[in-house]
Amino acid sequence: MVVDDILKILERIPLWKKLTALPTRVDALEKRLAELEASKAPDQDSVVRDGALFKRNSDGSWQNTVYCPNCKTGMSKFPAATGEMTFICSHCGGESGFSVQELPEMLKKLSD
């Protein structure tokens, strides 16, 4: 009887309601996370990021070559107005959104 009375009191406390709902919420979020992770295609051959196309090697790692997302050809290193080297497509003039110096960090982000 005492336990029932305590539970009735707790049910009227908003924080208690939130706490008791947490396991259900955690389960739903874990299920959603699993769905999102499953939708990330690990065998995806290429991805476009910051104005450049990146392709995978046969071992699943990312190639160091930066491709134009429009022409699908390799981009050339070219000095940007900022003084940094950037990647430019010699066919369409497309420019990457990152510098040559930032390429290792871009490849690392793709692998994460």
PDB file of N, CA and C in Angstrom:
ATOM      1  N   MET A   1       0.821  -1.192   0.000  1.00  0.00           N
ATOM      2  CA  MET A   1       0.000   0.000   0.000  1.00  0.00           C
ATOM      3  C   MET A   1       0.862   1.252   0.000  1.00  0.00           C
ATOM      4  N   VAL A   2       1.921   1.264   0.764  1.00  0.00           N
ATOM      5  CA  VAL A   2       2.787   2.425   0.843  1.00  0.00           C
ATOM      6  C   VAL A   2       3.468   2.684  -0.510  1.00  0.00           C
ATOM      7  N   VAL A   3       3.890   1.624  -1.176  1.00  0.00           N
ATOM      8  CA  VAL A   3       4.554   1.773  -2.470  1.00  0.00           C
ATOM      9  C   VAL A   3       3.598   2.380  -3.486  1.00  0.00           C
ATOM     10  N   ASP A   4       2.348   1.929  -3.493  1.00  0.00           N
ATOM     11  CA  ASP A   4       1.361   2.492  -4.408  1.00  0.00           C
ATOM     12  C   ASP A   4       1.149   3.977  -4.156  1.00  0.00           C
ATOM     13  N   ASP A   5       1.132   4.371  -2.908  1.00  0.00           N
ATOM     14  CA  ASP A   5       0.963   5.784  -2.566  1.00  0.00           C
ATOM     15  C   ASP A   5       2.158   6.608  -3.057  1.00  0.00           C
ATOM     16  N   ILE A   6       3.326   6.071  -2.897  1.00  0.00           N
ATOM     17  CA  ILE A   6       4.541   6.776  -3.353  1.00  0.00           C
ATOM     18  C   ILE A   6       4.522   6.912  -4.875  1.00  0.00           C
ATOM     19  N   LEU A   7       4.139   5.855  -5.570  1.00  0.00           N
ATOM     20  CA  LEU A   7       4.078   5.905  -7.026  1.00  0.00           C
ATOM     21  C   LEU A   7       3.051   6.924  -7.519  1.00  0.00           C
ATOM     22  N   LYS A   8       1.929   7.021  -6.821  1.00  0.00           N
ATOM     23  CA  LYS A   8       0.905   8.010  -7.188  1.00  0.00           C
ATOM     24  C   LYS A   8       1.458   9.426  -7.031  1.00  0.00           C
ATOM     25  N   ILE A   9       2.209   9.639  -5.988  1.00  0.00           N
ATOM     26  CA  ILE A   9       2.817  10.957  -5.765  1.00  0.00           C
ATOM     27  C   ILE A   9       3.852  11.243  -6.857  1.00  0.00           C
ATOM     28  N   LEU A  10       4.678  10.255  -7.153  1.00  0.00           N
ATOM     29  CA  LEU A  10       5.715  10.431  -8.170  1.00  0.00           C
ATOM     30  C   LEU A  10       5.123  10.717  -9.553  1.00  0.00           C
ATOM     31  N   GLU A  11       3.989  10.091  -9.858  1.00  0.00           N
ATOM     32  CA  GLU A  11       3.343  10.289 -11.157  1.00  0.00           C
ATOM     33  C   GLU A  11       2.932  11.749 -11.371  1.00  0.00           C
ATOM     34  N   ARG A  12       2.770  12.495 -10.296  1.00  0.00           N
ATOM     35  CA  ARG A  12       2.376  13.905 -10.409  1.00  0.00           C
ATOM     36  C   ARG A  12       3.577  14.834 -10.579  1.00  0.00           C
ATOM     37  N   ILE A  13       4.771  14.311 -10.496  1.00  0.00           N
ATOM     38  CA  ILE A  13       5.976  15.125 -10.627  1.00  0.00           C
ATOM     39  C   ILE A  13       6.449  15.060 -12.088  1.00  0.00           C
ATOM     40  N   PRO A  14       6.493  16.215 -12.785  1.00  0.00           N
ATOM     41  CA  PRO A  14       6.877  16.217 -14.204  1.00  0.00           C
ATOM     42  C   PRO A  14       8.241  15.571 -14.472  1.00  0.00           C
ATOM     43  N   LEU A  15       9.210  15.814 -13.619  1.00  0.00           N
ATOM     44  CA  LEU A  15      10.531  15.235 -13.820  1.00  0.00           C
ATOM     45  C   LEU A  15      10.476  13.712 -13.753  1.00  0.00           C
ATOM     46  N   TRP A  16       9.669  13.191 -12.864  1.00  0.00           N
ATOM     47  CA  TRP A  16       9.526  11.734 -12.753  1.00  0.00           C
ATOM     48  C   TRP A  16       8.961  11.152 -14.047  1.00  0.00           C
ATOM     49  N   LYS A  17       7.993  11.857 -14.634  1.00  0.00           N
ATOM     50  CA  LYS A  17       7.413  11.387 -15.896  1.00  0.00           C
ATOM     51  C   LYS A  17       8.482  11.350 -16.987  1.00  0.00           C
ATOM     52  N   LYS A  18       9.338  12.379 -17.011  1.00  0.00           N
ATOM     53  CA  LYS A  18      10.407  12.415 -18.009  1.00  0.00           C
ATOM     54  C   LYS A  18      11.405  11.284 -17.773  1.00  0.00           C
ATOM     55  N   LEU A  19      11.740  11.058 -16.522  1.00  0.00           N
ATOM     56  CA  LEU A  19      12.699  10.000 -16.200  1.00  0.00           C
ATOM     57  C   LEU A  19      12.166   8.620 -16.569  1.00  0.00           C
ATOM     58  N   THR A  20      10.911   8.378 -16.308  1.00  0.00           N
ATOM     59  CA  THR A  20      10.342   7.059 -16.610  1.00  0.00           C
ATOM     60  C   THR A  20      10.163   6.860 -18.114  1.00  0.00           C
ATOM     61  N   ALA A  21      10.104   7.953 -18.874  1.00  0.00           N
ATOM     62  CA  ALA A  21       9.969   7.857 -20.328  1.00  0.00           C
ATOM     63  C   ALA A  21      11.325   7.659 -21.020  1.00  0.00           C
ATOM     64  N   LEU A  22      12.411   7.874 -20.302  1.00  0.00           N
ATOM     65  CA  LEU A  22      13.744   7.790 -20.908  1.00  0.00           C
ATOM     66  C   LEU A  22      14.070   6.436 -21.548  1.00  0.00           C
ATOM     67  N   PRO A  23      13.807   5.321 -20.907  1.00  0.00           N
ATOM     68  CA  PRO A  23      14.148   4.046 -21.560  1.00  0.00           C
ATOM     69  C   PRO A  23      13.474   3.878 -22.931  1.00  0.00           C
ATOM     70  N   THR A  24      12.225   4.290 -23.040  1.00  0.00           N
ATOM     71  CA  THR A  24      11.515   4.199 -24.313  1.00  0.00           C
ATOM     72  C   THR A  24      12.162   5.121 -25.339  1.00  0.00           C
ATOM     73  N   ARG A  25      12.501   6.321 -24.897  1.00  0.00           N
ATOM     74  CA  ARG A  25      13.138   7.304 -25.793  1.00  0.00           C
ATOM     75  C   ARG A  25      14.521   6.818 -26.244  1.00  0.00           C
ATOM     76  N   VAL A  26      15.286   6.268 -25.342  1.00  0.00           N
ATOM     77  CA  VAL A  26      16.613   5.746 -25.683  1.00  0.00           C
ATOM     78  C   VAL A  26      16.477   4.609 -26.689  1.00  0.00           C
ATOM     79  N   ASP A  27      15.541   3.727 -26.489  1.00  0.00           N
ATOM     80  CA  ASP A  27      15.319   2.622 -27.431  1.00  0.00           C
ATOM     81  C   ASP A  27      14.985   3.150 -28.823  1.00  0.00           C
ATOM     82  N   ALA A  28      14.110   4.151 -28.885  1.00  0.00           N
ATOM     83  CA  ALA A  28      13.726   4.728 -30.174  1.00  0.00           C
ATOM     84  C   ALA A  28      14.923   5.387 -30.859  1.00  0.00           C
ATOM     85  N   LEU A  29      15.731   6.105 -30.093  1.00  0.00           N
ATOM     86  CA  LEU A  29      16.900   6.775 -30.665  1.00  0.00           C
ATOM     87  C   LEU A  29      17.953   5.775 -31.126  1.00  0.00           C
ATOM     88  N   GLU A  30      18.150   4.706 -30.367  1.00  0.00           N
ATOM     89  CA  GLU A  30      19.098   3.672 -30.781  1.00  0.00           C
ATOM     90  C   GLU A  30      18.638   2.982 -32.063  1.00  0.00           C
ATOM     91  N   LYS A  31      17.333   2.763 -32.184  1.00  0.00           N
ATOM     92  CA  LYS A  31      16.793   2.156 -33.398  1.00  0.00           C
ATOM     93  C   LYS A  31      17.003   3.085 -34.586  1.00  0.00           C
ATOM     94  N   ARG A  32      16.744   4.370 -34.377  1.00  0.00           N
ATOM     95  CA  ARG A  32      16.926   5.354 -35.451  1.00  0.00           C
ATOM     96  C   ARG A  32      18.399   5.449 -35.864  1.00  0.00           C
ATOM     97  N   LEU A  33      19.295   5.447 -34.900  1.00  0.00           N
ATOM     98  CA  LEU A  33      20.724   5.485 -35.186  1.00  0.00           C
ATOM     99  C   LEU A  33      21.144   4.268 -36.007  1.00  0.00           C
ATOM    100  N   ALA A  34      20.650   3.117 -35.644  1.00  0.00           N
ATOM    101  CA  ALA A  34      20.970   1.893 -36.387  1.00  0.00           C
ATOM    102  C   ALA A  34      20.477   1.994 -37.831  1.00  0.00           C
ATOM    103  N   GLU A  35      19.282   2.568 -38.018  1.00  0.00           N
ATOM    104  CA  GLU A  35      18.746   2.748 -39.368  1.00  0.00           C
ATOM    105  C   GLU A  35      19.617   3.699 -40.182  1.00  0.00           C
ATOM    106  N   LEU A  36      20.032   4.801 -39.558  1.00  0.00           N
ATOM    107  CA  LEU A  36      20.874   5.773 -40.258  1.00  0.00           C
ATOM    108  C   LEU A  36      22.233   5.187 -40.610  1.00  0.00           C
ATOM    109  N   GLU A  37      22.813   4.442 -39.685  1.00  0.00           N
ATOM    110  CA  GLU A  37      24.109   3.827 -39.964  1.00  0.00           C
ATOM    111  C   GLU A  37      23.990   2.780 -41.068  1.00  0.00           C
ATOM    112  N   ALA A  38      22.889   2.077 -41.090  1.00  0.00           N
ATOM    113  CA  ALA A  38      22.683   1.070 -42.132  1.00  0.00           C
ATOM    114  C   ALA A  38      22.469   1.726 -43.494  1.00  0.00           C
ATOM    115  N   SER A  39      21.921   2.939 -43.498  1.00  0.00           N
ATOM    116  CA  SER A  39      21.662   3.619 -44.765  1.00  0.00           C
ATOM    117  C   SER A  39      22.920   4.229 -45.357  1.00  0.00           C
ATOM    118  N   LYS A  40      23.976   4.375 -44.547  1.00  0.00           N
ATOM    119  CA  LYS A  40      25.250   4.847 -45.076  1.00  0.00           C
ATOM    120  C   LYS A  40      25.856   3.700 -45.867  1.00  0.00           C
ATOM    121  N   ALA A  41      25.924   3.879 -47.149  1.00  0.00           N
ATOM    122  CA  ALA A  41      26.426   2.797 -47.997  1.00  0.00           C
ATOM    123  C   ALA A  41      27.944   2.694 -47.893  1.00  0.00           C
ATOM    124  N   PRO A  42      28.443   1.698 -47.175  1.00  0.00           N
ATOM    125  CA  PRO A  42      29.890   1.564 -47.051  1.00  0.00           C
ATOM    126  C   PRO A  42      30.565   1.240 -48.373  1.00  0.00           C
ATOM    127  N   ASP A  43      29.802   0.702 -49.306  1.00  0.00           N
ATOM    128  CA  ASP A  43      30.365   0.357 -50.597  1.00  0.00           C
ATOM    129  C   ASP A  43      30.149   1.465 -51.624  1.00  0.00           C
ATOM    130  N   GLN A  44      29.764   2.642 -51.164  1.00  0.00           N
ATOM    131  CA  GLN A  44      29.561   3.768 -52.061  1.00  0.00           C
ATOM    132  C   GLN A  44      30.883   4.074 -52.768  1.00  0.00           C
ATOM    133  N   ASP A  45      30.841   4.137 -54.085  1.00  0.00           N
ATOM    134  CA  ASP A  45      32.058   4.306 -54.871  1.00  0.00           C
ATOM    135  C   ASP A  45      32.606   5.724 -54.854  1.00  0.00           C
ATOM    136  N   SER A  46      31.733   6.721 -54.686  1.00  0.00           N
ATOM    137  CA  SER A  46      32.185   8.107 -54.729  1.00  0.00           C
ATOM    138  C   SER A  46      31.260   9.000 -53.913  1.00  0.00           C
ATOM    139  N   VAL A  47      31.769  10.190 -53.590  1.00  0.00           N
ATOM    140  CA  VAL A  47      30.987  11.160 -52.835  1.00  0.00           C
ATOM    141  C   VAL A  47      31.458  12.560 -53.236  1.00  0.00           C
ATOM    142  N   VAL A  48      30.528  13.516 -53.249  1.00  0.00           N
ATOM    143  CA  VAL A  48      30.864  14.905 -53.554  1.00  0.00           C
ATOM    144  C   VAL A  48      30.857  15.693 -52.256  1.00  0.00           C
ATOM    145  N   ARG A  49      31.966  16.382 -51.984  1.00  0.00           N
ATOM    146  CA  ARG A  49      32.091  17.224 -50.794  1.00  0.00           C
ATOM    147  C   ARG A  49      32.854  18.486 -51.158  1.00  0.00           C
ATOM    148  N   ASP A  50      32.381  19.614 -50.714  1.00  0.00           N
ATOM    149  CA  ASP A  50      33.072  20.890 -50.878  1.00  0.00           C
ATOM    150  C   ASP A  50      33.568  21.121 -52.302  1.00  0.00           C
ATOM    151  N   GLY A  51      32.704  20.867 -53.263  1.00  0.00           N
ATOM    152  CA  GLY A  51      33.031  21.161 -54.651  1.00  0.00           C
ATOM    153  C   GLY A  51      33.974  20.183 -55.315  1.00  0.00           C
ATOM    154  N   ALA A  52      34.141  19.012 -54.756  1.00  0.00           N
ATOM    155  CA  ALA A  52      35.045  18.013 -55.334  1.00  0.00           C
ATOM    156  C   ALA A  52      34.421  16.623 -55.219  1.00  0.00           C
ATOM    157  N   LEU A  53      34.779  15.789 -56.167  1.00  0.00           N
ATOM    158  CA  LEU A  53      34.340  14.397 -56.184  1.00  0.00           C
ATOM    159  C   LEU A  53      35.491  13.533 -55.678  1.00  0.00           C
ATOM    160  N   PHE A  54      35.187  12.659 -54.744  1.00  0.00           N
ATOM    161  CA  PHE A  54      36.183  11.737 -54.211  1.00  0.00           C
ATOM    162  C   PHE A  54      35.754  10.321 -54.555  1.00  0.00           C
ATOM    163  N   LYS A  55      36.720   9.507 -54.973  1.00  0.00           N
ATOM    164  CA  LYS A  55      36.440   8.120 -55.339  1.00  0.00           C
ATOM    165  C   LYS A  55      37.173   7.171 -54.396  1.00  0.00           C
ATOM    166  N   ARG A  56      36.578   6.004 -54.202  1.00  0.00           N
ATOM    167  CA  ARG A  56      37.183   4.982 -53.346  1.00  0.00           C
ATOM    168  C   ARG A  56      38.157   4.112 -54.127  1.00  0.00           C
ATOM    169  N   ASN A  57      39.174   3.646 -53.423  1.00  0.00           N
ATOM    170  CA  ASN A  57      40.058   2.613 -53.944  1.00  0.00           C
ATOM    171  C   ASN A  57      39.371   1.266 -53.757  1.00  0.00           C
ATOM    172  N   SER A  58      39.900   0.240 -54.368  1.00  0.00           N
ATOM    173  CA  SER A  58      39.291  -1.092 -54.249  1.00  0.00           C
ATOM    174  C   SER A  58      39.330  -1.620 -52.815  1.00  0.00           C
ATOM    175  N   ASP A  59      40.270  -1.111 -51.989  1.00  0.00           N
ATOM    176  CA  ASP A  59      40.343  -1.557 -50.598  1.00  0.00           C
ATOM    177  C   ASP A  59      39.410  -0.771 -49.673  1.00  0.00           C
ATOM    178  N   GLY A  60      38.635   0.166 -50.238  1.00  0.00           N
ATOM    179  CA  GLY A  60      37.679   0.942 -49.446  1.00  0.00           C
ATOM    180  C   GLY A  60      38.203   2.284 -48.975  1.00  0.00           C
ATOM    181  N   SER A  61      39.511   2.509 -49.084  1.00  0.00           N
ATOM    182  CA  SER A  61      40.067   3.810 -48.706  1.00  0.00           C
ATOM    183  C   SER A  61      39.752   4.823 -49.808  1.00  0.00           C
ATOM    184  N   TRP A  62      39.967   6.112 -49.515  1.00  0.00           N
ATOM    185  CA  TRP A  62      39.687   7.161 -50.486  1.00  0.00           C
ATOM    186  C   TRP A  62      40.928   7.499 -51.286  1.00  0.00           C
ATOM    187  N   GLN A  63      40.756   7.702 -52.587  1.00  0.00           N
ATOM    188  CA  GLN A  63      41.856   8.098 -53.458  1.00  0.00           C
ATOM    189  C   GLN A  63      42.334   9.507 -53.099  1.00  0.00           C
ATOM    190  N   ASN A  64      43.610   9.775 -53.287  1.00  0.00           N
ATOM    191  CA  ASN A  64      44.163  11.109 -53.056  1.00  0.00           C
ATOM    192  C   ASN A  64      43.858  12.068 -54.198  1.00  0.00           C
ATOM    193  N   THR A  65      43.389  11.546 -55.327  1.00  0.00           N
ATOM    194  CA  THR A  65      43.062  12.383 -56.477  1.00  0.00           C
ATOM    195  C   THR A  65      41.728  13.081 -56.243  1.00  0.00           C
ATOM    196  N   VAL A  66      41.681  14.369 -56.573  1.00  0.00           N
ATOM    197  CA  VAL A  66      40.455  15.162 -56.454  1.00  0.00           C
ATOM    198  C   VAL A  66      39.857  15.290 -57.848  1.00  0.00           C
ATOM    199  N   TYR A  67      38.582  14.909 -57.986  1.00  0.00           N
ATOM    200  CA  TYR A  67      37.907  14.938 -59.274  1.00  0.00           C
ATOM    201  C   TYR A  67      36.871  16.057 -59.323  1.00  0.00           C
ATOM    202  N   CYS A  68      36.612  16.538 -60.540  1.00  0.00           N
ATOM    203  CA  CYS A  68      35.562  17.538 -60.744  1.00  0.00           C
ATOM    204  C   CYS A  68      34.210  16.830 -60.655  1.00  0.00           C
ATOM    205  N   PRO A  69      33.285  17.346 -59.841  1.00  0.00           N
ATOM    206  CA  PRO A  69      31.980  16.685 -59.738  1.00  0.00           C
ATOM    207  C   PRO A  69      31.141  16.816 -61.012  1.00  0.00           C
ATOM    208  N   ASN A  70      31.464  17.796 -61.864  1.00  0.00           N
ATOM    209  CA  ASN A  70      30.714  17.984 -63.112  1.00  0.00           C
ATOM    210  C   ASN A  70      31.288  17.140 -64.245  1.00  0.00           C
ATOM    211  N   CYS A  71      32.601  17.236 -64.444  1.00  0.00           N
ATOM    212  CA  CYS A  71      33.262  16.580 -65.577  1.00  0.00           C
ATOM    213  C   CYS A  71      33.755  15.171 -65.257  1.00  0.00           C
ATOM    214  N   LYS A  72      33.883  14.867 -63.965  1.00  0.00           N
ATOM    215  CA  LYS A  72      34.376  13.564 -63.496  1.00  0.00           C
ATOM    216  C   LYS A  72      35.839  13.336 -63.865  1.00  0.00           C
ATOM    217  N   THR A  73      36.573  14.397 -64.175  1.00  0.00           N
ATOM    218  CA  THR A  73      37.992  14.301 -64.497  1.00  0.00           C
ATOM    219  C   THR A  73      38.805  14.837 -63.325  1.00  0.00           C
ATOM    220  N   GLY A  74      40.076  14.477 -63.303  1.00  0.00           N
ATOM    221  CA  GLY A  74      40.949  14.947 -62.236  1.00  0.00           C
ATOM    222  C   GLY A  74      41.093  16.466 -62.268  1.00  0.00           C
ATOM    223  N   MET A  75      41.125  17.067 -61.088  1.00  0.00           N
ATOM    224  CA  MET A  75      41.303  18.517 -60.992  1.00  0.00           C
ATOM    225  C   MET A  75      42.796  18.821 -60.818  1.00  0.00           C
ATOM    226  N   SER A  76      43.202  19.993 -61.263  1.00  0.00           N
ATOM    227  CA  SER A  76      44.600  20.422 -61.185  1.00  0.00           C
ATOM    228  C   SER A  76      44.805  21.351 -60.005  1.00  0.00           C
ATOM    229  N   LYS A  77      46.016  21.332 -59.458  1.00  0.00           N
ATOM    230  CA  LYS A  77      46.371  22.278 -58.400  1.00  0.00           C
ATOM    231  C   LYS A  77      46.617  23.634 -59.049  1.00  0.00           C
ATOM    232  N   PHE A  78      46.071  24.681 -58.418  1.00  0.00           N
ATOM    233  CA  PHE A  78      46.179  26.015 -58.999  1.00  0.00           C
ATOM    234  C   PHE A  78      46.191  27.038 -57.877  1.00  0.00           C
ATOM    235  N   PRO A  79      47.010  28.112 -57.991  1.00  0.00           N
ATOM    236  CA  PRO A  79      47.031  29.121 -56.932  1.00  0.00           C
ATOM    237  C   PRO A  79      45.720  29.916 -56.912  1.00  0.00           C
ATOM    238  N   ALA A  80      45.102  29.979 -55.751  1.00  0.00           N
ATOM    239  CA  ALA A  80      43.862  30.738 -55.589  1.00  0.00           C
ATOM    240  C   ALA A  80      44.184  32.185 -55.242  1.00  0.00           C
ATOM    241  N   ALA A  81      43.163  33.036 -55.238  1.00  0.00           N
ATOM    242  CA  ALA A  81      43.335  34.455 -54.909  1.00  0.00           C
ATOM    243  C   ALA A  81      43.854  34.637 -53.483  1.00  0.00           C
ATOM    244  N   THR A  82      43.607  33.672 -52.620  1.00  0.00           N
ATOM    245  CA  THR A  82      44.052  33.757 -51.226  1.00  0.00           C
ATOM    246  C   THR A  82      45.535  33.455 -51.080  1.00  0.00           C
ATOM    247  N   GLY A  83      46.160  32.993 -52.172  1.00  0.00           N
ATOM    248  CA  GLY A  83      47.565  32.627 -52.109  1.00  0.00           C
ATOM    249  C   GLY A  83      47.777  31.149 -51.850  1.00  0.00           C
ATOM    250  N   GLU A  84      46.725  30.436 -51.438  1.00  0.00           N
ATOM    251  CA  GLU A  84      46.825  29.001 -51.212  1.00  0.00           C
ATOM    252  C   GLU A  84      46.606  28.265 -52.520  1.00  0.00           C
ATOM    253  N   MET A  85      47.126  27.070 -52.585  1.00  0.00           N
ATOM    254  CA  MET A  85      46.879  26.216 -53.747  1.00  0.00           C
ATOM    255  C   MET A  85      45.504  25.577 -53.578  1.00  0.00           C
ATOM    256  N   THR A  86      44.728  25.582 -54.627  1.00  0.00           N
ATOM    257  CA  THR A  86      43.406  24.967 -54.600  1.00  0.00           C
ATOM    258  C   THR A  86      43.292  24.022 -55.793  1.00  0.00           C
ATOM    259  N   PHE A  87      42.172  23.360 -55.923  1.00  0.00           N
ATOM    260  CA  PHE A  87      41.942  22.443 -57.035  1.00  0.00           C
ATOM    261  C   PHE A  87      40.980  23.086 -58.025  1.00  0.00           C
ATOM    262  N   ILE A  88      41.366  23.086 -59.304  1.00  0.00           N
ATOM    263  CA  ILE A  88      40.574  23.684 -60.382  1.00  0.00           C
ATOM    264  C   ILE A  88      40.381  22.648 -61.481  1.00  0.00           C
ATOM    265  N   CYS A  89      39.182  22.631 -62.063  1.00  0.00           N
ATOM    266  CA  CYS A  89      38.928  21.765 -63.216  1.00  0.00           C
ATOM    267  C   CYS A  89      39.370  22.511 -64.479  1.00  0.00           C
ATOM    268  N   SER A  90      40.248  21.906 -65.267  1.00  0.00           N
ATOM    269  CA  SER A  90      40.743  22.551 -66.481  1.00  0.00           C
ATOM    270  C   SER A  90      39.708  22.523 -67.609  1.00  0.00           C
ATOM    271  N   HIS A  91      38.636  21.735 -67.429  1.00  0.00           N
ATOM    272  CA  HIS A  91      37.606  21.649 -68.459  1.00  0.00           C
ATOM    273  C   HIS A  91      36.489  22.673 -68.251  1.00  0.00           C
ATOM    274  N   CYS A  92      35.951  22.732 -67.040  1.00  0.00           N
ATOM    275  CA  CYS A  92      34.798  23.618 -66.800  1.00  0.00           C
ATOM    276  C   CYS A  92      35.119  24.797 -65.890  1.00  0.00           C
ATOM    277  N   GLY A  93      36.304  24.801 -65.281  1.00  0.00           N
ATOM    278  CA  GLY A  93      36.683  25.907 -64.401  1.00  0.00           C
ATOM    279  C   GLY A  93      36.171  25.771 -62.980  1.00  0.00           C
ATOM    280  N   GLY A  94      35.535  24.648 -62.660  1.00  0.00           N
ATOM    281  CA  GLY A  94      35.042  24.426 -61.297  1.00  0.00           C
ATOM    282  C   GLY A  94      36.184  24.447 -60.291  1.00  0.00           C
ATOM    283  N   GLU A  95      35.900  24.951 -59.118  1.00  0.00           N
ATOM    284  CA  GLU A  95      36.922  25.079 -58.082  1.00  0.00           C
ATOM    285  C   GLU A  95      36.464  24.386 -56.802  1.00  0.00           C
ATOM    286  N   SER A  96      37.393  23.698 -56.163  1.00  0.00           N
ATOM    287  CA  SER A  96      37.061  23.031 -54.901  1.00  0.00           C
ATOM    288  C   SER A  96      36.887  24.080 -53.801  1.00  0.00           C
ATOM    289  N   GLY A  97      36.203  23.707 -52.762  1.00  0.00           N
ATOM    290  CA  GLY A  97      35.977  24.595 -51.631  1.00  0.00           C
ATOM    291  C   GLY A  97      37.015  24.440 -50.536  1.00  0.00           C
ATOM    292  N   PHE A  98      38.145  23.827 -50.854  1.00  0.00           N
ATOM    293  CA  PHE A  98      39.207  23.612 -49.874  1.00  0.00           C
ATOM    294  C   PHE A  98      40.551  23.708 -50.583  1.00  0.00           C
ATOM    295  N   SER A  99      41.586  23.925 -49.815  1.00  0.00           N
ATOM    296  CA  SER A  99      42.923  24.077 -50.388  1.00  0.00           C
ATOM    297  C   SER A  99      43.637  22.731 -50.474  1.00  0.00           C
ATOM    298  N   VAL A 100      44.726  22.728 -51.211  1.00  0.00           N
ATOM    299  CA  VAL A 100      45.551  21.523 -51.333  1.00  0.00           C
ATOM    300  C   VAL A 100      46.025  21.081 -49.953  1.00  0.00           C
ATOM    301  N   GLN A 101      46.361  22.051 -49.109  1.00  0.00           N
ATOM    302  CA  GLN A 101      46.842  21.740 -47.766  1.00  0.00           C
ATOM    303  C   GLN A 101      45.769  21.055 -46.919  1.00  0.00           C
ATOM    304  N   GLU A 102      44.511  21.286 -47.233  1.00  0.00           N
ATOM    305  CA  GLU A 102      43.401  20.709 -46.469  1.00  0.00           C
ATOM    306  C   GLU A 102      42.978  19.319 -46.957  1.00  0.00           C
ATOM    307  N   LEU A 103      43.575  18.844 -48.051  1.00  0.00           N
ATOM    308  CA  LEU A 103      43.188  17.542 -48.611  1.00  0.00           C
ATOM    309  C   LEU A 103      43.321  16.398 -47.611  1.00  0.00           C
ATOM    310  N   PRO A 104      44.427  16.274 -46.869  1.00  0.00           N
ATOM    311  CA  PRO A 104      44.502  15.167 -45.903  1.00  0.00           C
ATOM    312  C   PRO A 104      43.361  15.191 -44.877  1.00  0.00           C
ATOM    313  N   GLU A 105      42.972  16.374 -44.433  1.00  0.00           N
ATOM    314  CA  GLU A 105      41.867  16.487 -43.466  1.00  0.00           C
ATOM    315  C   GLU A 105      40.536  16.113 -44.121  1.00  0.00           C
ATOM    316  N   MET A 106      40.355  16.481 -45.397  1.00  0.00           N
ATOM    317  CA  MET A 106      39.138  16.097 -46.114  1.00  0.00           C
ATOM    318  C   MET A 106      39.033  14.570 -46.224  1.00  0.00           C
ATOM    319  N   LEU A 107      40.140  13.934 -46.565  1.00  0.00           N
ATOM    320  CA  LEU A 107      40.154  12.469 -46.685  1.00  0.00           C
ATOM    321  C   LEU A 107      39.885  11.809 -45.335  1.00  0.00           C
ATOM    322  N   LYS A 108      40.401  12.396 -44.284  1.00  0.00           N
ATOM    323  CA  LYS A 108      40.156  11.869 -42.943  1.00  0.00           C
ATOM    324  C   LYS A 108      38.682  11.979 -42.578  1.00  0.00           C
ATOM    325  N   LYS A 109      38.053  13.120 -42.896  1.00  0.00           N
ATOM    326  CA  LYS A 109      36.625  13.314 -42.613  1.00  0.00           C
ATOM    327  C   LYS A 109      35.776  12.311 -43.381  1.00  0.00           C
ATOM    328  N   LEU A 110      36.168  12.028 -44.627  1.00  0.00           N
ATOM    329  CA  LEU A 110      35.410  11.056 -45.412  1.00  0.00           C
ATOM    330  C   LEU A 110      35.474   9.665 -44.804  1.00  0.00           C
ATOM    331  N   SER A 111      36.588   9.361 -44.180  1.00  0.00           N
ATOM    332  CA  SER A 111      36.780   8.025 -43.593  1.00  0.00           C
ATOM    333  C   SER A 111      36.069   7.866 -42.249  1.00  0.00           C
ATOM    334  N   ASP A 112      35.750   8.980 -41.607  1.00  0.00           N
ATOM    335  CA  ASP A 112      35.086   8.922 -40.282  1.00  0.00           C
ATOM    336  C   ASP A 112      33.646   8.509 -40.386  1.00  0.00           C
TER     337      ASP A 112
END
